[in-house]
PDB file of N, CA and C in Angstrom:
ATOM      1  N   MET A   1     -16.322   3.676   4.470  1.00  0.00           N
ATOM      2  CA  MET A   1     -14.882   3.637   4.292  1.00  0.00           C
ATOM      3  C   MET A   1     -14.576   3.987   2.839  1.00  0.00           C
ATOM      4  N   THR A   2     -13.561   4.807   2.664  1.00  0.00           N
ATOM      5  CA  THR A   2     -13.175   5.201   1.313  1.00  0.00           C
ATOM      6  C   THR A   2     -11.798   4.696   0.908  1.00  0.00           C
ATOM      7  N   THR A   3     -10.939   4.403   1.899  1.00  0.00           N
ATOM      8  CA  THR A   3      -9.568   3.986   1.606  1.00  0.00           C
ATOM      9  C   THR A   3      -9.161   2.861   2.549  1.00  0.00           C
ATOM     10  N   LEU A   4      -8.542   1.839   1.985  1.00  0.00           N
ATOM     11  CA  LEU A   4      -8.049   0.701   2.748  1.00  0.00           C
ATOM     12  C   LEU A   4      -6.527   0.716   2.693  1.00  0.00           C
ATOM     13  N   PHE A   5      -5.883   0.703   3.854  1.00  0.00           N
ATOM     14  CA  PHE A   5      -4.424   0.707   3.940  1.00  0.00           C
ATOM     15  C   PHE A   5      -3.931  -0.644   4.425  1.00  0.00           C
ATOM     16  N   GLU A   6      -2.817  -1.097   3.872  1.00  0.00           N
ATOM     17  CA  GLU A   6      -2.112  -2.281   4.367  1.00  0.00           C
ATOM     18  C   GLU A   6      -0.671  -1.859   4.590  1.00  0.00           C
ATOM     19  N   VAL A   7      -0.189  -2.003   5.828  1.00  0.00           N
ATOM     20  CA  VAL A   7       1.152  -1.547   6.195  1.00  0.00           C
ATOM     21  C   VAL A   7       2.071  -2.749   6.380  1.00  0.00           C
ATOM     22  N   LYS A   8       3.240  -2.682   5.773  1.00  0.00           N
ATOM     23  CA  LYS A   8       4.262  -3.710   5.928  1.00  0.00           C
ATOM     24  C   LYS A   8       5.565  -3.057   6.370  1.00  0.00           C
ATOM     25  N   THR A   9       6.387  -3.824   7.076  1.00  0.00           N
ATOM     26  CA  THR A   9       7.648  -3.292   7.598  1.00  0.00           C
ATOM     27  C   THR A   9       8.841  -3.613   6.706  1.00  0.00           C
ATOM     28  N   ASP A  10       8.615  -4.345   5.624  1.00  0.00           N
ATOM     29  CA  ASP A  10       9.693  -4.637   4.676  1.00  0.00           C
ATOM     30  C   ASP A  10       9.085  -4.806   3.292  1.00  0.00           C
ATOM     31  N   VAL A  11       9.944  -4.955   2.303  1.00  0.00           N
ATOM     32  CA  VAL A  11       9.471  -5.112   0.928  1.00  0.00           C
ATOM     33  C   VAL A  11       9.886  -6.450   0.330  1.00  0.00           C
ATOM     34  N   THR A  12       9.940  -7.462   1.167  1.00  0.00           N
ATOM     35  CA  THR A  12      10.241  -8.796   0.655  1.00  0.00           C
ATOM     36  C   THR A  12       9.072  -9.263  -0.219  1.00  0.00           C
ATOM     37  N   THR A  13       9.346 -10.207  -1.078  1.00  0.00           N
ATOM     38  CA  THR A  13       8.302 -10.753  -1.942  1.00  0.00           C
ATOM     39  C   THR A  13       7.138 -11.279  -1.113  1.00  0.00           C
ATOM     40  N   THR A  14       7.436 -11.963  -0.027  1.00  0.00           N
ATOM     41  CA  THR A  14       6.390 -12.501   0.836  1.00  0.00           C
ATOM     42  C   THR A  14       5.496 -11.398   1.393  1.00  0.00           C
ATOM     43  N   SER A  15       6.091 -10.330   1.885  1.00  0.00           N
ATOM     44  CA  SER A  15       5.310  -9.220   2.439  1.00  0.00           C
ATOM     45  C   SER A  15       4.448  -8.551   1.375  1.00  0.00           C
ATOM     46  N   ILE A  16       5.016  -8.350   0.199  1.00  0.00           N
ATOM     47  CA  ILE A  16       4.261  -7.713  -0.883  1.00  0.00           C
ATOM     48  C   ILE A  16       3.089  -8.594  -1.292  1.00  0.00           C
ATOM     49  N   TYR A  17       3.321  -9.895  -1.452  1.00  0.00           N
ATOM     50  CA  TYR A  17       2.237 -10.805  -1.842  1.00  0.00           C
ATOM     51  C   TYR A  17       1.152 -10.853  -0.771  1.00  0.00           C
ATOM     52  N   GLN A  18       1.551 -10.883   0.490  1.00  0.00           N
ATOM     53  CA  GLN A  18       0.566 -10.872   1.577  1.00  0.00           C
ATOM     54  C   GLN A  18      -0.263  -9.599   1.534  1.00  0.00           C
ATOM     55  N   ALA A  19       0.395  -8.478   1.359  1.00  0.00           N
ATOM     56  CA  ALA A  19      -0.300  -7.193   1.336  1.00  0.00           C
ATOM     57  C   ALA A  19      -1.290  -7.124   0.172  1.00  0.00           C
ATOM     58  N   VAL A  20      -0.857  -7.559  -1.005  1.00  0.00           N
ATOM     59  CA  VAL A  20      -1.734  -7.536  -2.172  1.00  0.00           C
ATOM     60  C   VAL A  20      -2.961  -8.412  -1.921  1.00  0.00           C
ATOM     61  N   GLY A  21      -2.753  -9.597  -1.389  1.00  0.00           N
ATOM     62  CA  GLY A  21      -3.869 -10.493  -1.089  1.00  0.00           C
ATOM     63  C   GLY A  21      -4.832  -9.876  -0.096  1.00  0.00           C
ATOM     64  N   GLN A  22      -4.302  -9.285   0.957  1.00  0.00           N
ATOM     65  CA  GLN A  22      -5.149  -8.665   1.968  1.00  0.00           C
ATOM     66  C   GLN A  22      -5.917  -7.474   1.394  1.00  0.00           C
ATOM     67  N   LEU A  23      -5.235  -6.639   0.622  1.00  0.00           N
ATOM     68  CA  LEU A  23      -5.911  -5.487   0.022  1.00  0.00           C
ATOM     69  C   LEU A  23      -7.001  -5.921  -0.953  1.00  0.00           C
ATOM     70  N   MET A  24      -6.708  -6.899  -1.775  1.00  0.00           N
ATOM     71  CA  MET A  24      -7.686  -7.335  -2.771  1.00  0.00           C
ATOM     72  C   MET A  24      -8.889  -8.005  -2.103  1.00  0.00           C
ATOM     73  N   LEU A  25      -8.650  -8.902  -1.172  1.00  0.00           N
ATOM     74  CA  LEU A  25      -9.763  -9.591  -0.506  1.00  0.00           C
ATOM     75  C   LEU A  25     -10.587  -8.649   0.351  1.00  0.00           C
ATOM     76  N   ASN A  26      -9.926  -7.866   1.175  1.00  0.00           N
ATOM     77  CA  ASN A  26     -10.656  -6.948   2.049  1.00  0.00           C
ATOM     78  C   ASN A  26     -11.287  -5.807   1.262  1.00  0.00           C
ATOM     79  N   GLY A  27     -10.634  -5.377   0.202  1.00  0.00           N
ATOM     80  CA  GLY A  27     -11.184  -4.320  -0.635  1.00  0.00           C
ATOM     81  C   GLY A  27     -12.397  -4.783  -1.418  1.00  0.00           C
ATOM     82  N   PHE A  28     -12.383  -6.041  -1.843  1.00  0.00           N
ATOM     83  CA  PHE A  28     -13.501  -6.592  -2.607  1.00  0.00           C
ATOM     84  C   PHE A  28     -14.773  -6.606  -1.776  1.00  0.00           C
ATOM     85  N   ALA A  29     -14.626  -6.802  -0.470  1.00  0.00           N
ATOM     86  CA  ALA A  29     -15.778  -6.887   0.423  1.00  0.00           C
ATOM     87  C   ALA A  29     -16.454  -5.536   0.635  1.00  0.00           C
ATOM     88  N   GLN A  30     -15.793  -4.456   0.263  1.00  0.00           N
ATOM     89  CA  GLN A  30     -16.338  -3.115   0.484  1.00  0.00           C
ATOM     90  C   GLN A  30     -17.150  -2.652  -0.728  1.00  0.00           C
ATOM     91  N   GLN A  31     -18.306  -2.132  -0.464  1.00  0.00           N
ATOM     92  CA  GLN A  31     -19.148  -1.570  -1.518  1.00  0.00           C
ATOM     93  C   GLN A  31     -19.568  -0.178  -1.103  1.00  0.00           C
ATOM     94  N   PRO A  32     -19.376   0.849  -1.858  1.00  0.00           N
ATOM     95  CA  PRO A  32     -18.720   0.802  -3.158  1.00  0.00           C
ATOM     96  C   PRO A  32     -17.230   0.528  -3.011  1.00  0.00           C
ATOM     97  N   GLU A  33     -16.578   0.294  -4.136  1.00  0.00           N
ATOM     98  CA  GLU A  33     -15.146  -0.027  -4.130  1.00  0.00           C
ATOM     99  C   GLU A  33     -14.346   1.068  -3.423  1.00  0.00           C
ATOM    100  N   VAL A  34     -13.356   0.647  -2.665  1.00  0.00           N
ATOM    101  CA  VAL A  34     -12.503   1.580  -1.929  1.00  0.00           C
ATOM    102  C   VAL A  34     -11.139   1.688  -2.606  1.00  0.00           C
ATOM    103  N   ALA A  35     -10.454   2.789  -2.333  1.00  0.00           N
ATOM    104  CA  ALA A  35      -9.070   2.934  -2.796  1.00  0.00           C
ATOM    105  C   ALA A  35      -8.199   2.011  -1.946  1.00  0.00           C
ATOM    106  N   LYS A  36      -7.183   1.421  -2.569  1.00  0.00           N
ATOM    107  CA  LYS A  36      -6.284   0.501  -1.868  1.00  0.00           C
ATOM    108  C   LYS A  36      -4.874   1.084  -1.863  1.00  0.00           C
ATOM    109  N   VAL A  37      -4.260   1.129  -0.655  1.00  0.00           N
ATOM    110  CA  VAL A  37      -2.935   1.733  -0.510  1.00  0.00           C
ATOM    111  C   VAL A  37      -2.019   0.777   0.245  1.00  0.00           C
ATOM    112  N   LEU A  38      -0.888   0.464  -0.361  1.00  0.00           N
ATOM    113  CA  LEU A  38       0.157  -0.335   0.276  1.00  0.00           C
ATOM    114  C   LEU A  38       1.173   0.629   0.881  1.00  0.00           C
ATOM    115  N   VAL A  39       1.398   0.505   2.179  1.00  0.00           N
ATOM    116  CA  VAL A  39       2.326   1.380   2.898  1.00  0.00           C
ATOM    117  C   VAL A  39       3.569   0.561   3.237  1.00  0.00           C
ATOM    118  N   ILE A  40       4.719   0.960   2.676  1.00  0.00           N
ATOM    119  CA  ILE A  40       5.966   0.204   2.845  1.00  0.00           C
ATOM    120  C   ILE A  40       7.146   1.158   3.069  1.00  0.00           C
ATOM    121  N   PRO A  41       8.254   0.638   3.641  1.00  0.00           N
ATOM    122  CA  PRO A  41       9.378   1.512   3.992  1.00  0.00           C
ATOM    123  C   PRO A  41      10.281   1.956   2.830  1.00  0.00           C
ATOM    124  N   GLN A  42      10.082   1.418   1.650  1.00  0.00           N
ATOM    125  CA  GLN A  42      10.869   1.868   0.494  1.00  0.00           C
ATOM    126  C   GLN A  42      10.123   1.520  -0.774  1.00  0.00           C
ATOM    127  N   LYS A  43      10.500   2.172  -1.869  1.00  0.00           N
ATOM    128  CA  LYS A  43       9.832   1.914  -3.139  1.00  0.00           C
ATOM    129  C   LYS A  43      10.053   0.465  -3.563  1.00  0.00           C
ATOM    130  N   PRO A  44       9.031  -0.139  -4.160  1.00  0.00           N
ATOM    131  CA  PRO A  44       9.214  -1.496  -4.685  1.00  0.00           C
ATOM    132  C   PRO A  44       9.995  -1.442  -5.997  1.00  0.00           C
ATOM    133  N   THR A  45      10.330  -2.600  -6.509  1.00  0.00           N
ATOM    134  CA  THR A  45      11.011  -2.657  -7.805  1.00  0.00           C
ATOM    135  C   THR A  45      10.083  -2.087  -8.875  1.00  0.00           C
ATOM    136  N   LYS A  46      10.649  -1.714 -10.000  1.00  0.00           N
ATOM    137  CA  LYS A  46       9.854  -1.177 -11.109  1.00  0.00           C
ATOM    138  C   LYS A  46       8.789  -2.182 -11.559  1.00  0.00           C
ATOM    139  N   GLU A  47       9.164  -3.452 -11.626  1.00  0.00           N
ATOM    140  CA  GLU A  47       8.224  -4.486 -12.060  1.00  0.00           C
ATOM    141  C   GLU A  47       7.057  -4.602 -11.085  1.00  0.00           C
ATOM    142  N   THR A  48       7.371  -4.595  -9.788  1.00  0.00           N
ATOM    143  CA  THR A  48       6.328  -4.686  -8.774  1.00  0.00           C
ATOM    144  C   THR A  48       5.453  -3.444  -8.789  1.00  0.00           C
ATOM    145  N   GLU A  49       6.079  -2.294  -8.940  1.00  0.00           N
ATOM    146  CA  GLU A  49       5.338  -1.041  -8.998  1.00  0.00           C
ATOM    147  C   GLU A  49       4.358  -1.046 -10.178  1.00  0.00           C
ATOM    148  N   HIS A  50       4.798  -1.563 -11.307  1.00  0.00           N
ATOM    149  CA  HIS A  50       3.947  -1.653 -12.493  1.00  0.00           C
ATOM    150  C   HIS A  50       2.763  -2.593 -12.243  1.00  0.00           C
ATOM    151  N   ALA A  51       3.032  -3.734 -11.637  1.00  0.00           N
ATOM    152  CA  ALA A  51       1.964  -4.697 -11.341  1.00  0.00           C
ATOM    153  C   ALA A  51       0.956  -4.103 -10.357  1.00  0.00           C
ATOM    154  N   LEU A  52       1.436  -3.406  -9.330  1.00  0.00           N
ATOM    155  CA  LEU A  52       0.540  -2.788  -8.354  1.00  0.00           C
ATOM    156  C   LEU A  52      -0.346  -1.739  -9.021  1.00  0.00           C
ATOM    157  N   LYS A  53       0.223  -1.001  -9.942  1.00  0.00           N
ATOM    158  CA  LYS A  53      -0.551   0.019 -10.661  1.00  0.00           C
ATOM    159  C   LYS A  53      -1.676  -0.639 -11.456  1.00  0.00           C
ATOM    160  N   LYS A  54      -1.377  -1.752 -12.116  1.00  0.00           N
ATOM    161  CA  LYS A  54      -2.401  -2.477 -12.883  1.00  0.00           C
ATOM    162  C   LYS A  54      -3.507  -3.013 -11.973  1.00  0.00           C
ATOM    163  N   LEU A  55      -3.148  -3.349 -10.735  1.00  0.00           N
ATOM    164  CA  LEU A  55      -4.126  -3.831  -9.755  1.00  0.00           C
ATOM    165  C   LEU A  55      -4.854  -2.678  -9.056  1.00  0.00           C
ATOM    166  N   ARG A  56      -4.494  -1.454  -9.421  1.00  0.00           N
ATOM    167  CA  ARG A  56      -5.071  -0.249  -8.824  1.00  0.00           C
ATOM    168  C   ARG A  56      -4.778  -0.148  -7.330  1.00  0.00           C
ATOM    169  N   ILE A  57      -3.534  -0.523  -6.982  1.00  0.00           N
ATOM    170  CA  ILE A  57      -3.048  -0.381  -5.611  1.00  0.00           C
ATOM    171  C   ILE A  57      -2.002   0.726  -5.615  1.00  0.00           C
ATOM    172  N   LYS A  58      -2.266   1.766  -4.838  1.00  0.00           N
ATOM    173  CA  LYS A  58      -1.317   2.874  -4.729  1.00  0.00           C
ATOM    174  C   LYS A  58      -0.251   2.521  -3.696  1.00  0.00           C
ATOM    175  N   VAL A  59       0.921   3.121  -3.829  1.00  0.00           N
ATOM    176  CA  VAL A  59       2.034   2.861  -2.917  1.00  0.00           C
ATOM    177  C   VAL A  59       2.379   4.136  -2.155  1.00  0.00           C
ATOM    178  N   LEU A  60       2.510   4.001  -0.856  1.00  0.00           N
ATOM    179  CA  LEU A  60       2.929   5.092   0.013  1.00  0.00           C
ATOM    180  C   LEU A  60       4.152   4.613   0.779  1.00  0.00           C
ATOM    181  N   THR A  61       5.256   5.345   0.675  1.00  0.00           N
ATOM    182  CA  THR A  61       6.469   4.941   1.393  1.00  0.00           C
ATOM    183  C   THR A  61       6.630   5.794   2.651  1.00  0.00           C
ATOM    184  N   TYR A  62       7.270   5.192   3.631  1.00  0.00           N
ATOM    185  CA  TYR A  62       7.551   5.888   4.882  1.00  0.00           C
ATOM    186  C   TYR A  62       8.995   5.639   5.266  1.00  0.00           C
ATOM    187  N   GLU A  63       9.475   6.402   6.233  1.00  0.00           N
ATOM    188  CA  GLU A  63      10.825   6.190   6.753  1.00  0.00           C
ATOM    189  C   GLU A  63      10.789   6.282   8.272  1.00  0.00           C
ATOM    190  N   TRP A  64      11.826   5.754   8.891  1.00  0.00           N
ATOM    191  CA  TRP A  64      11.926   5.786  10.354  1.00  0.00           C
ATOM    192  C   TRP A  64      12.855   6.916  10.777  1.00  0.00           C
ATOM    193  N   LYS A  65      12.411   7.702  11.751  1.00  0.00           N
ATOM    194  CA  LYS A  65      13.254   8.745  12.344  1.00  0.00           C
ATOM    195  C   LYS A  65      13.040   8.704  13.846  1.00  0.00           C
ATOM    196  N   ALA A  66      14.133   8.535  14.572  1.00  0.00           N
ATOM    197  CA  ALA A  66      14.080   8.487  16.039  1.00  0.00           C
ATOM    198  C   ALA A  66      13.067   7.456  16.524  1.00  0.00           C
ATOM    199  N   GLY A  67      13.031   6.312  15.835  1.00  0.00           N
ATOM    200  CA  GLY A  67      12.155   5.232  16.261  1.00  0.00           C
ATOM    201  C   GLY A  67      10.687   5.412  15.936  1.00  0.00           C
ATOM    202  N   LYS A  68      10.363   6.400  15.095  1.00  0.00           N
ATOM    203  CA  LYS A  68       8.971   6.652  14.728  1.00  0.00           C
ATOM    204  C   LYS A  68       8.823   6.635  13.208  1.00  0.00           C
ATOM    205  N   PRO A  69       7.738   6.041  12.721  1.00  0.00           N
ATOM    206  CA  PRO A  69       7.515   6.069  11.275  1.00  0.00           C
ATOM    207  C   PRO A  69       7.055   7.456  10.831  1.00  0.00           C
ATOM    208  N   ILE A  70       7.668   7.965   9.771  1.00  0.00           N
ATOM    209  CA  ILE A  70       7.329   9.266   9.233  1.00  0.00           C
ATOM    210  C   ILE A  70       6.753   9.064   7.826  1.00  0.00           C
ATOM    211  N   ILE A  71       5.514   9.516   7.657  1.00  0.00           N
ATOM    212  CA  ILE A  71       4.865   9.448   6.359  1.00  0.00           C
ATOM    213  C   ILE A  71       4.866  10.859   5.784  1.00  0.00           C
ATOM    214  N   PRO A  72       5.528  11.053   4.642  1.00  0.00           N
ATOM    215  CA  PRO A  72       5.702  12.407   4.121  1.00  0.00           C
ATOM    216  C   PRO A  72       4.394  13.112   3.754  1.00  0.00           C
ATOM    217  N   SER A  73       3.463  12.415   3.116  1.00  0.00           N
ATOM    218  CA  SER A  73       2.249  13.085   2.676  1.00  0.00           C
ATOM    219  C   SER A  73       1.212  12.065   2.213  1.00  0.00           C
ATOM    220  N   LEU A  74      -0.029  12.397   2.402  1.00  0.00           N
ATOM    221  CA  LEU A  74      -1.125  11.560   1.883  1.00  0.00           C
ATOM    222  C   LEU A  74      -1.747  12.196   0.649  1.00  0.00           C
ATOM    223  N   ASP A  75      -1.125  13.242   0.148  1.00  0.00           N
ATOM    224  CA  ASP A  75      -1.656  13.928  -1.040  1.00  0.00           C
ATOM    225  C   ASP A  75      -1.827  12.954  -2.203  1.00  0.00           C
ATOM    226  N   GLY A  76      -2.972  13.007  -2.813  1.00  0.00           N
ATOM    227  CA  GLY A  76      -3.246  12.166  -3.974  1.00  0.00           C
ATOM    228  C   GLY A  76      -3.674  10.756  -3.637  1.00  0.00           C
ATOM    229  N   LEU A  77      -3.690  10.401  -2.359  1.00  0.00           N
ATOM    230  CA  LEU A  77      -4.055   9.042  -1.981  1.00  0.00           C
ATOM    231  C   LEU A  77      -5.481   8.929  -1.456  1.00  0.00           C
ATOM    232  N   LEU A  78      -5.995  10.019  -0.935  1.00  0.00           N
ATOM    233  CA  LEU A  78      -7.338   9.984  -0.365  1.00  0.00           C
ATOM    234  C   LEU A  78      -8.332  10.622  -1.327  1.00  0.00           C
ATOM    235  N   PRO A  79      -9.498  10.008  -1.440  1.00  0.00           N
ATOM    236  CA  PRO A  79     -10.520  10.573  -2.347  1.00  0.00           C
ATOM    237  C   PRO A  79     -11.013  11.926  -1.879  1.00  0.00           C
TER     238      PRO A  79
END
């Protein structure tokens, strides 16, 4: 495995904290270290984005169209 994704349906503080915990714990178990990506429906606050960057967690946003999640691109997220 090279990349670990955690998908959330909102950007509440609770969801972000859960995602970070899951990514860090599950990512730590992988050797060699894997890339960690938080997938959320909108950009987080600047402060949260800064903290995620320091934790080496990338952010991927998606949107809903006709009841389906649309992810614009994985460019730059996969090794």
